[in-house]
Amino acid sequence: MDNRLSFDVYANISDPSCRVEHDRHDRRVTVTIGGSARETPLNLLQLWFKEPDTIKQLGQELITAGTKLAAQRESGEA
């Protein structure tokens, strides 16, 4: 197996849909991009997180990067 395999995922919150759920039973947070709870998904990415610190760090990094991207767009930079 090639461990250098990577994926680029581009998501818009509404297309495909993006859901974040806390599963109390499995003690994890699930991020699901694409598909629907009512259909067999054709395009689906699911991420599972069990470590709260990992989720907090990832969330903070997303907020920081999103803020930079918003500022770049507002300033008209390419």
C-alpha atoms as a PDB file:
ATOM      1  CA  MET A   1       0.000   0.000   0.000  1.00  0.00           C
ATOM      2  CA  ASP A   2       1.255   3.472  -0.894  1.00  0.00           C
ATOM      3  CA  ASN A   3       1.236   5.637   2.247  1.00  0.00           C
ATOM      4  CA  ARG A   4       1.748   8.776   0.137  1.00  0.00           C
ATOM      5  CA  LEU A   5      -1.868   8.781  -1.035  1.00  0.00           C
ATOM      6  CA  SER A   6      -3.601  12.105  -0.439  1.00  0.00           C
ATOM      7  CA  PHE A   7      -6.959  13.704  -1.161  1.00  0.00           C
ATOM      8  CA  ASP A   8      -8.040  17.268  -1.821  1.00  0.00           C
ATOM      9  CA  VAL A   9     -11.586  17.932  -0.643  1.00  0.00           C
ATOM     10  CA  TYR A  10     -13.445  21.108  -1.559  1.00  0.00           C
ATOM     11  CA  ALA A  11     -16.700  21.634   0.277  1.00  0.00           C
ATOM     12  CA  ASN A  12     -19.347  24.283   0.402  1.00  0.00           C
ATOM     13  CA  ILE A  13     -21.526  24.023   3.501  1.00  0.00           C
ATOM     14  CA  SER A  14     -24.682  23.661   1.373  1.00  0.00           C
ATOM     15  CA  ASP A  15     -23.370  21.732  -1.646  1.00  0.00           C
ATOM     16  CA  PRO A  16     -22.434  19.141  -0.683  1.00  0.00           C
ATOM     17  CA  SER A  17     -24.060  19.280   2.701  1.00  0.00           C
ATOM     18  CA  CYS A  18     -21.845  19.295   5.777  1.00  0.00           C
ATOM     19  CA  ARG A  19     -22.970  17.918   9.127  1.00  0.00           C
ATOM     20  CA  VAL A  20     -21.155  17.903  12.463  1.00  0.00           C
ATOM     21  CA  GLU A  21     -22.587  15.592  15.107  1.00  0.00           C
ATOM     22  CA  HIS A  22     -21.648  14.572  18.639  1.00  0.00           C
ATOM     23  CA  ASP A  23     -22.235  10.860  19.150  1.00  0.00           C
ATOM     24  CA  ARG A  24     -22.663  10.307  22.883  1.00  0.00           C
ATOM     25  CA  HIS A  25     -22.774   6.529  22.511  1.00  0.00           C
ATOM     26  CA  ASP A  26     -19.461   6.190  20.634  1.00  0.00           C
ATOM     27  CA  ARG A  27     -17.939   9.216  22.392  1.00  0.00           C
ATOM     28  CA  ARG A  28     -16.866  10.896  19.179  1.00  0.00           C
ATOM     29  CA  VAL A  29     -17.576  13.818  16.902  1.00  0.00           C
ATOM     30  CA  THR A  30     -18.385  13.009  13.305  1.00  0.00           C
ATOM     31  CA  VAL A  31     -17.977  15.403  10.381  1.00  0.00           C
ATOM     32  CA  THR A  32     -19.875  14.221   7.289  1.00  0.00           C
ATOM     33  CA  ILE A  33     -19.474  15.985   3.954  1.00  0.00           C
ATOM     34  CA  GLY A  34     -21.836  14.958   1.162  1.00  0.00           C
ATOM     35  CA  GLY A  35     -24.556  12.373   1.021  1.00  0.00           C
ATOM     36  CA  SER A  36     -27.724  12.517   3.032  1.00  0.00           C
ATOM     37  CA  ALA A  37     -29.066  10.716   6.048  1.00  0.00           C
ATOM     38  CA  ARG A  38     -31.935   9.484   3.849  1.00  0.00           C
ATOM     39  CA  GLU A  39     -30.063   8.283   0.764  1.00  0.00           C
ATOM     40  CA  THR A  40     -27.181   6.049  -0.223  1.00  0.00           C
ATOM     41  CA  PRO A  41     -24.312   8.507  -0.591  1.00  0.00           C
ATOM     42  CA  LEU A  42     -22.529   8.768  -3.917  1.00  0.00           C
ATOM     43  CA  ASN A  43     -19.960  11.310  -2.740  1.00  0.00           C
ATOM     44  CA  LEU A  44     -19.231  11.081   0.941  1.00  0.00           C
ATOM     45  CA  LEU A  45     -16.371  11.945   3.266  1.00  0.00           C
ATOM     46  CA  GLN A  46     -16.618  11.164   6.955  1.00  0.00           C
ATOM     47  CA  LEU A  47     -14.101  12.156   9.610  1.00  0.00           C
ATOM     48  CA  TRP A  48     -14.264  10.780  13.149  1.00  0.00           C
ATOM     49  CA  PHE A  49     -12.595  12.444  16.099  1.00  0.00           C
ATOM     50  CA  LYS A  50     -12.326  10.953  19.577  1.00  0.00           C
ATOM     51  CA  GLU A  51      -9.850  13.390  21.145  1.00  0.00           C
ATOM     52  CA  PRO A  52     -11.421  16.714  22.212  1.00  0.00           C
ATOM     53  CA  ASP A  53      -8.065  18.530  22.048  1.00  0.00           C
ATOM     54  CA  THR A  54      -7.622  17.467  18.418  1.00  0.00           C
ATOM     55  CA  ILE A  55     -11.048  18.868  17.537  1.00  0.00           C
ATOM     56  CA  LYS A  56     -10.361  22.136  19.369  1.00  0.00           C
ATOM     57  CA  GLN A  57      -6.986  22.580  17.654  1.00  0.00           C
ATOM     58  CA  LEU A  58      -8.395  21.793  14.216  1.00  0.00           C
ATOM     59  CA  GLY A  59     -11.293  24.180  14.836  1.00  0.00           C
ATOM     60  CA  GLN A  60      -8.932  26.976  15.862  1.00  0.00           C
ATOM     61  CA  GLU A  61      -6.749  26.413  12.810  1.00  0.00           C
ATOM     62  CA  LEU A  62      -9.832  26.491  10.553  1.00  0.00           C
ATOM     63  CA  ILE A  63     -11.019  29.738  12.145  1.00  0.00           C
ATOM     64  CA  THR A  64      -7.577  31.340  11.766  1.00  0.00           C
ATOM     65  CA  ALA A  65      -7.229  30.268   8.134  1.00  0.00           C
ATOM     66  CA  GLY A  66     -10.824  31.289   7.363  1.00  0.00           C
ATOM     67  CA  THR A  67     -10.219  34.740   8.845  1.00  0.00           C
ATOM     68  CA  LYS A  68      -7.097  35.157   6.693  1.00  0.00           C
ATOM     69  CA  LEU A  69      -9.002  34.032   3.586  1.00  0.00           C
ATOM     70  CA  ALA A  70     -11.850  36.459   4.309  1.00  0.00           C
ATOM     71  CA  ALA A  71      -9.385  39.334   4.778  1.00  0.00           C
ATOM     72  CA  GLN A  72      -7.633  38.410   1.512  1.00  0.00           C
ATOM     73  CA  ARG A  73     -10.936  38.426  -0.386  1.00  0.00           C
ATOM     74  CA  GLU A  74     -11.979  41.737   1.159  1.00  0.00           C
ATOM     75  CA  SER A  75      -8.693  43.353   0.151  1.00  0.00           C
ATOM     76  CA  GLY A  76      -9.070  42.068  -3.399  1.00  0.00           C
ATOM     77  CA  GLU A  77      -5.837  40.068  -3.380  1.00  0.00           C
ATOM     78  CA  ALA A  78      -5.640  37.275  -5.944  1.00  0.00           C
END
